[in-house]
C-alpha atoms as a PDB file:
ATOM      1  CA  MET A   1    -131.936  96.659  27.729  1.00  0.00           C
ATOM      2  CA  ALA A   2    -129.304  95.418  25.294  1.00  0.00           C
ATOM      3  CA  LYS A   3    -130.383  93.018  22.603  1.00  0.00           C
ATOM      4  CA  THR A   4    -128.865  89.566  22.639  1.00  0.00           C
ATOM      5  CA  ARG A   5    -127.464  88.510  19.309  1.00  0.00           C
ATOM      6  CA  LYS A   6    -128.996  85.229  18.166  1.00  0.00           C
ATOM      7  CA  ALA A   7    -127.356  82.557  16.063  1.00  0.00           C
ATOM      8  CA  GLN A   8    -129.077  79.788  14.195  1.00  0.00           C
ATOM      9  CA  LEU A   9    -127.923  76.246  14.905  1.00  0.00           C
ATOM     10  CA  ASN A  10    -129.247  73.267  12.962  1.00  0.00           C
ATOM     11  CA  VAL A  11    -128.907  69.922  14.688  1.00  0.00           C
ATOM     12  CA  ARG A  12    -129.855  66.473  13.430  1.00  0.00           C
ATOM     13  CA  VAL A  13    -131.086  63.942  15.977  1.00  0.00           C
ATOM     14  CA  ASP A  14    -132.915  60.648  15.717  1.00  0.00           C
ATOM     15  CA  GLU A  15    -136.726  60.617  15.824  1.00  0.00           C
ATOM     16  CA  GLY A  16    -136.836  59.374  19.419  1.00  0.00           C
ATOM     17  CA  THR A  17    -134.662  62.242  20.628  1.00  0.00           C
ATOM     18  CA  ALA A  18    -136.692  64.781  18.658  1.00  0.00           C
ATOM     19  CA  ARG A  19    -139.945  63.395  20.075  1.00  0.00           C
ATOM     20  CA  ALA A  20    -138.564  63.494  23.623  1.00  0.00           C
ATOM     21  CA  ALA A  21    -137.414  67.109  23.175  1.00  0.00           C
ATOM     22  CA  ARG A  22    -140.843  68.138  21.863  1.00  0.00           C
ATOM     23  CA  GLU A  23    -142.639  66.363  24.709  1.00  0.00           C
ATOM     24  CA  LYS A  24    -140.381  67.848  27.419  1.00  0.00           C
ATOM     25  CA  ALA A  25    -140.677  71.343  25.944  1.00  0.00           C
ATOM     26  CA  LEU A  26    -144.467  71.055  25.733  1.00  0.00           C
ATOM     27  CA  ALA A  27    -144.681  69.786  29.313  1.00  0.00           C
ATOM     28  CA  ARG A  28    -142.666  72.807  30.459  1.00  0.00           C
ATOM     29  CA  GLY A  29    -144.712  75.221  28.382  1.00  0.00           C
ATOM     30  CA  MET A  30    -141.854  76.352  26.175  1.00  0.00           C
ATOM     31  CA  SER A  31    -140.616  76.012  22.631  1.00  0.00           C
ATOM     32  CA  VAL A  32    -138.178  73.267  21.700  1.00  0.00           C
ATOM     33  CA  ASN A  33    -135.677  75.999  20.883  1.00  0.00           C
ATOM     34  CA  ARG A  34    -135.967  77.497  24.373  1.00  0.00           C
ATOM     35  CA  TYR A  35    -135.812  74.033  25.981  1.00  0.00           C
ATOM     36  CA  ILE A  36    -132.565  73.148  24.177  1.00  0.00           C
ATOM     37  CA  GLU A  37    -131.116  76.588  24.940  1.00  0.00           C
ATOM     38  CA  GLU A  38    -131.810  76.105  28.662  1.00  0.00           C
ATOM     39  CA  LEU A  39    -130.277  72.616  28.651  1.00  0.00           C
ATOM     40  CA  VAL A  40    -127.070  73.947  27.133  1.00  0.00           C
ATOM     41  CA  ARG A  41    -126.952  76.852  29.575  1.00  0.00           C
ATOM     42  CA  GLN A  42    -127.427  74.475  32.508  1.00  0.00           C
ATOM     43  CA  ASP A  43    -124.727  72.159  31.215  1.00  0.00           C
ATOM     44  CA  THR A  44    -122.211  74.922  30.649  1.00  0.00           C
ATOM     45  CA  GLY A  45    -123.292  77.300  33.382  1.00  0.00           C
ATOM     46  CA  GLU A  46    -121.898  78.089  36.777  1.00  0.00           C
ATOM     47  CA  ALA A  47    -124.443  75.868  38.532  1.00  0.00           C
ATOM     48  CA  GLY A  48    -123.104  72.835  36.692  1.00  0.00           C
ATOM     49  CA  HIS A  49    -119.505  73.682  37.508  1.00  0.00           C
ATOM     50  CA  THR A  50    -120.373  74.335  41.144  1.00  0.00           C
ATOM     51  CA  PHE A  51    -122.138  70.978  41.422  1.00  0.00           C
ATOM     52  CA  VAL A  52    -119.229  69.069  39.894  1.00  0.00           C
ATOM     53  CA  GLU A  53    -116.719  70.810  42.147  1.00  0.00           C
ATOM     54  CA  ALA A  54    -118.839  70.091  45.242  1.00  0.00           C
ATOM     55  CA  ALA A  55    -119.243  66.434  44.239  1.00  0.00           C
ATOM     56  CA  ALA A  56    -115.500  66.057  43.672  1.00  0.00           C
ATOM     57  CA  ASP A  57    -114.767  67.661  47.040  1.00  0.00           C
ATOM     58  CA  PHE A  58    -117.259  65.333  48.721  1.00  0.00           C
ATOM     59  CA  MET A  59    -115.635  62.289  47.132  1.00  0.00           C
ATOM     60  CA  ARG A  60    -112.177  63.437  48.230  1.00  0.00           C
ATOM     61  CA  GLN A  61    -113.398  63.871  51.797  1.00  0.00           C
ATOM     62  CA  TYR A  62    -115.144  60.501  51.980  1.00  0.00           C
ATOM     63  CA  GLU A  63    -112.943  58.409  49.689  1.00  0.00           C
ATOM     64  CA  LYS A  64    -111.603  56.267  52.552  1.00  0.00           C
ATOM     65  CA  VAL A  65    -115.093  55.637  53.917  1.00  0.00           C
ATOM     66  CA  PHE A  66    -116.302  54.462  50.514  1.00  0.00           C
ATOM     67  CA  ALA A  67    -113.188  52.350  50.004  1.00  0.00           C
ATOM     68  CA  GLU A  68    -113.705  50.605  53.327  1.00  0.00           C
ATOM     69  CA  GLU A  69    -117.403  50.078  52.660  1.00  0.00           C
ATOM     70  CA  VAL A  70    -116.963  48.435  49.270  1.00  0.00           C
ATOM     71  CA  GLY A  71    -113.637  46.782  49.965  1.00  0.00           C
ATOM     72  CA  TRP A  72    -111.495  48.747  47.515  1.00  0.00           C
ATOM     73  CA  GLY A  73    -107.861  47.912  47.903  1.00  0.00           C
ATOM     74  CA  ARG A  74    -108.503  44.500  49.470  1.00  0.00           C
ATOM     75  CA  ARG A  75    -107.155  41.394  47.821  1.00  0.00           C
END
């Protein structure tokens, strides 16, 4: 198995954000480093792109229904 090259990234966040990251990582049984790494992968990964594309397609298909429901375009 090929080794993955690791890079160090230092990030400054406020205390509340740091506390939340520690708590979420602990609740998931992982390090804060691993938790942040997974968040970034989810945000930039194929699953995120697929979801956004599906949501955009859904909105295109049902745009008229939503417009009628909320009265968009009426004066």
